[in-house]
Amino acid sequence: MKEIVTTRDASSQQENAVAKALGGKRTANSGATAFSKGDVVAGVVLVECKTKMTECSSFSIQKSWLDTLEEERRGMGKRAAALAFSFDVGKKNYYVIDERQMKRLVELLNEEAAVG
């Protein structure tokens, strides 16, 4: 694993991990281009990634991140969006999704349990 020196290194490492975990791809220049937003695109899902340089026990989610992500999701024509965050770079990622997506996830898991 590459040594983490800058916030850009930390962000790149997290974005690579999220892309790999979700079977997606990192967007060019962390979504700073006019045609491609967010940090990771996994099919119909747009993901914004946030991480810390050093381990912490809490992480504040800013509403503006979620608002911007939703605008970018719509602009790119994606069906869903998620905010990925990590309490320490290179460690486990957690995801914030909206209620509509959570309802769909519950439906899918319940359908799976009924079949399985």
C-alpha atoms as a PDB file:
ATOM      1  CA  MET A   1       0.000   0.000   0.000  1.00  0.00           C
ATOM      2  CA  LYS A   2       1.279   3.444  -0.948  1.00  0.00           C
ATOM      3  CA  GLU A   3       2.251   5.777   1.889  1.00  0.00           C
ATOM      4  CA  ILE A   4      -0.340   8.496   2.473  1.00  0.00           C
ATOM      5  CA  VAL A   5       1.346  11.903   2.313  1.00  0.00           C
ATOM      6  CA  THR A   6      -1.259  14.368   1.074  1.00  0.00           C
ATOM      7  CA  THR A   7      -5.038  14.714   1.217  1.00  0.00           C
ATOM      8  CA  ARG A   8      -5.017  14.009  -2.532  1.00  0.00           C
ATOM      9  CA  ASP A   9      -3.244  10.689  -1.838  1.00  0.00           C
ATOM     10  CA  ALA A  10      -5.811   9.832   0.847  1.00  0.00           C
ATOM     11  CA  SER A  11      -8.701  10.723  -1.441  1.00  0.00           C
ATOM     12  CA  SER A  12      -7.274   8.725  -4.341  1.00  0.00           C
ATOM     13  CA  GLN A  13      -6.786   5.676  -2.139  1.00  0.00           C
ATOM     14  CA  GLN A  14     -10.360   5.854  -0.862  1.00  0.00           C
ATOM     15  CA  GLU A  15     -11.798   6.431  -4.346  1.00  0.00           C
ATOM     16  CA  ASN A  16      -9.880   3.428  -5.685  1.00  0.00           C
ATOM     17  CA  ALA A  17     -11.151   1.267  -2.815  1.00  0.00           C
ATOM     18  CA  VAL A  18     -14.768   2.376  -3.322  1.00  0.00           C
ATOM     19  CA  ALA A  19     -14.560   1.853  -7.098  1.00  0.00           C
ATOM     20  CA  LYS A  20     -13.153  -1.643  -6.593  1.00  0.00           C
ATOM     21  CA  ALA A  21     -15.735  -2.556  -3.927  1.00  0.00           C
ATOM     22  CA  LEU A  22     -18.666  -1.376  -6.051  1.00  0.00           C
ATOM     23  CA  GLY A  23     -17.372  -2.519  -9.435  1.00  0.00           C
ATOM     24  CA  GLY A  24     -17.185   1.074 -10.618  1.00  0.00           C
ATOM     25  CA  LYS A  25     -14.644   3.499 -11.991  1.00  0.00           C
ATOM     26  CA  ARG A  26     -13.070   6.655 -10.615  1.00  0.00           C
ATOM     27  CA  THR A  27     -14.095   9.797 -12.452  1.00  0.00           C
ATOM     28  CA  ALA A  28     -11.447  11.938 -14.095  1.00  0.00           C
ATOM     29  CA  ASN A  29      -9.966  14.601 -11.803  1.00  0.00           C
ATOM     30  CA  SER A  30     -12.383  13.687  -8.971  1.00  0.00           C
ATOM     31  CA  GLY A  31     -15.388  14.871 -10.938  1.00  0.00           C
ATOM     32  CA  ALA A  32     -14.033  18.338 -11.647  1.00  0.00           C
ATOM     33  CA  THR A  33     -14.850  18.137 -15.347  1.00  0.00           C
ATOM     34  CA  ALA A  34     -18.008  19.604 -16.855  1.00  0.00           C
ATOM     35  CA  PHE A  35     -19.337  16.253 -18.095  1.00  0.00           C
ATOM     36  CA  SER A  36     -18.397  13.892 -15.257  1.00  0.00           C
ATOM     37  CA  LYS A  37     -19.115  14.589 -11.591  1.00  0.00           C
ATOM     38  CA  GLY A  38     -18.683  12.746  -8.307  1.00  0.00           C
ATOM     39  CA  ASP A  39     -15.694  10.595  -7.450  1.00  0.00           C
ATOM     40  CA  VAL A  40     -16.879   7.147  -8.530  1.00  0.00           C
ATOM     41  CA  VAL A  41     -19.462   5.932 -11.015  1.00  0.00           C
ATOM     42  CA  ALA A  42     -20.765   2.397 -10.482  1.00  0.00           C
ATOM     43  CA  GLY A  43     -23.275   1.796 -13.264  1.00  0.00           C
ATOM     44  CA  VAL A  44     -26.350   3.893 -12.448  1.00  0.00           C
ATOM     45  CA  VAL A  45     -24.931   5.068  -9.097  1.00  0.00           C
ATOM     46  CA  LEU A  46     -22.866   8.199  -8.505  1.00  0.00           C
ATOM     47  CA  VAL A  47     -20.651   8.183  -5.390  1.00  0.00           C
ATOM     48  CA  GLU A  48     -18.956  11.100  -3.633  1.00  0.00           C
ATOM     49  CA  CYS A  49     -16.076  10.097  -1.342  1.00  0.00           C
ATOM     50  CA  LYS A  50     -14.902  11.791   1.854  1.00  0.00           C
ATOM     51  CA  THR A  51     -12.137  10.603   4.159  1.00  0.00           C
ATOM     52  CA  LYS A  52      -9.884  11.765   6.973  1.00  0.00           C
ATOM     53  CA  MET A  53      -6.088  11.895   6.890  1.00  0.00           C
ATOM     54  CA  THR A  54      -5.856  10.457  10.397  1.00  0.00           C
ATOM     55  CA  GLU A  55      -8.111   8.093  12.305  1.00  0.00           C
ATOM     56  CA  CYS A  56     -11.026   9.741  14.105  1.00  0.00           C
ATOM     57  CA  SER A  57     -14.049   8.618  16.108  1.00  0.00           C
ATOM     58  CA  SER A  58     -16.615  10.907  14.469  1.00  0.00           C
ATOM     59  CA  PHE A  59     -17.313  12.330  11.046  1.00  0.00           C
ATOM     60  CA  SER A  60     -19.585  15.287  10.314  1.00  0.00           C
ATOM     61  CA  ILE A  61     -21.717  15.033   7.192  1.00  0.00           C
ATOM     62  CA  GLN A  62     -22.483  18.362   5.570  1.00  0.00           C
ATOM     63  CA  LYS A  63     -25.910  18.854   3.999  1.00  0.00           C
ATOM     64  CA  SER A  64     -24.271  20.828   1.187  1.00  0.00           C
ATOM     65  CA  TRP A  65     -22.354  17.668   0.162  1.00  0.00           C
ATOM     66  CA  LEU A  66     -25.628  15.764  -0.173  1.00  0.00           C
ATOM     67  CA  ASP A  67     -27.345  18.632  -1.995  1.00  0.00           C
ATOM     68  CA  THR A  68     -24.478  18.936  -4.490  1.00  0.00           C
ATOM     69  CA  LEU A  69     -24.371  15.170  -4.965  1.00  0.00           C
ATOM     70  CA  GLU A  70     -28.101  15.112  -5.732  1.00  0.00           C
ATOM     71  CA  GLU A  71     -27.713  17.909  -8.298  1.00  0.00           C
ATOM     72  CA  GLU A  72     -24.806  16.083  -9.923  1.00  0.00           C
ATOM     73  CA  ARG A  73     -26.751  12.791  -9.922  1.00  0.00           C
ATOM     74  CA  ARG A  74     -29.626  14.431 -11.775  1.00  0.00           C
ATOM     75  CA  GLY A  75     -27.286  16.225 -14.174  1.00  0.00           C
ATOM     76  CA  MET A  76     -25.581  12.969 -15.104  1.00  0.00           C
ATOM     77  CA  GLY A  77     -28.859  11.056 -15.378  1.00  0.00           C
ATOM     78  CA  LYS A  78     -27.910   8.532 -12.686  1.00  0.00           C
ATOM     79  CA  ARG A  79     -30.627   6.637 -10.777  1.00  0.00           C
ATOM     80  CA  ALA A  80     -28.989   6.821  -7.356  1.00  0.00           C
ATOM     81  CA  ALA A  81     -26.258   8.508  -5.379  1.00  0.00           C
ATOM     82  CA  ALA A  82     -24.336   7.776  -2.203  1.00  0.00           C
ATOM     83  CA  LEU A  83     -21.832   9.544  -0.023  1.00  0.00           C
ATOM     84  CA  ALA A  84     -18.962   7.242   0.993  1.00  0.00           C
ATOM     85  CA  PHE A  85     -16.987   8.177   4.068  1.00  0.00           C
ATOM     86  CA  SER A  86     -14.215   6.650   6.123  1.00  0.00           C
ATOM     87  CA  PHE A  87     -13.055   7.330   9.647  1.00  0.00           C
ATOM     88  CA  ASP A  88      -9.490   6.516   8.558  1.00  0.00           C
ATOM     89  CA  VAL A  89      -8.040   6.281   5.084  1.00  0.00           C
ATOM     90  CA  GLY A  90      -7.515   2.726   3.931  1.00  0.00           C
ATOM     91  CA  LYS A  91     -10.079   1.356   6.367  1.00  0.00           C
ATOM     92  CA  LYS A  92     -13.762   0.460   6.094  1.00  0.00           C
ATOM     93  CA  ASN A  93     -16.070   2.735   4.098  1.00  0.00           C
ATOM     94  CA  TYR A  94     -19.605   3.610   5.151  1.00  0.00           C
ATOM     95  CA  TYR A  95     -22.334   4.949   2.884  1.00  0.00           C
ATOM     96  CA  VAL A  96     -25.049   7.580   3.281  1.00  0.00           C
ATOM     97  CA  ILE A  97     -28.110   7.091   1.063  1.00  0.00           C
ATOM     98  CA  ASP A  98     -31.477   8.811   0.939  1.00  0.00           C
ATOM     99  CA  GLU A  99     -34.753   7.331   2.177  1.00  0.00           C
ATOM    100  CA  ARG A 100     -35.943   6.320  -1.306  1.00  0.00           C
ATOM    101  CA  GLN A 101     -32.797   4.255  -1.798  1.00  0.00           C
ATOM    102  CA  MET A 102     -33.032   2.809   1.715  1.00  0.00           C
ATOM    103  CA  LYS A 103     -36.607   1.660   1.052  1.00  0.00           C
ATOM    104  CA  ARG A 104     -35.441  -0.045  -2.148  1.00  0.00           C
ATOM    105  CA  LEU A 105     -32.570  -1.714  -0.310  1.00  0.00           C
ATOM    106  CA  VAL A 106     -34.968  -3.037   2.353  1.00  0.00           C
ATOM    107  CA  GLU A 107     -37.302  -4.351  -0.380  1.00  0.00           C
ATOM    108  CA  LEU A 108     -34.436  -6.123  -2.148  1.00  0.00           C
ATOM    109  CA  LEU A 109     -33.100  -7.662   1.066  1.00  0.00           C
ATOM    110  CA  ASN A 110     -36.580  -8.828   2.088  1.00  0.00           C
ATOM    111  CA  GLU A 111     -37.171 -10.344  -1.357  1.00  0.00           C
ATOM    112  CA  GLU A 112     -33.816 -12.103  -1.116  1.00  0.00           C
ATOM    113  CA  ALA A 113     -34.657 -13.473   2.346  1.00  0.00           C
ATOM    114  CA  ALA A 114     -38.051 -14.734   1.154  1.00  0.00           C
ATOM    115  CA  VAL A 115     -36.455 -16.635  -1.732  1.00  0.00           C
ATOM    116  CA  GLY A 116     -33.434 -17.859   0.165  1.00  0.00           C
END
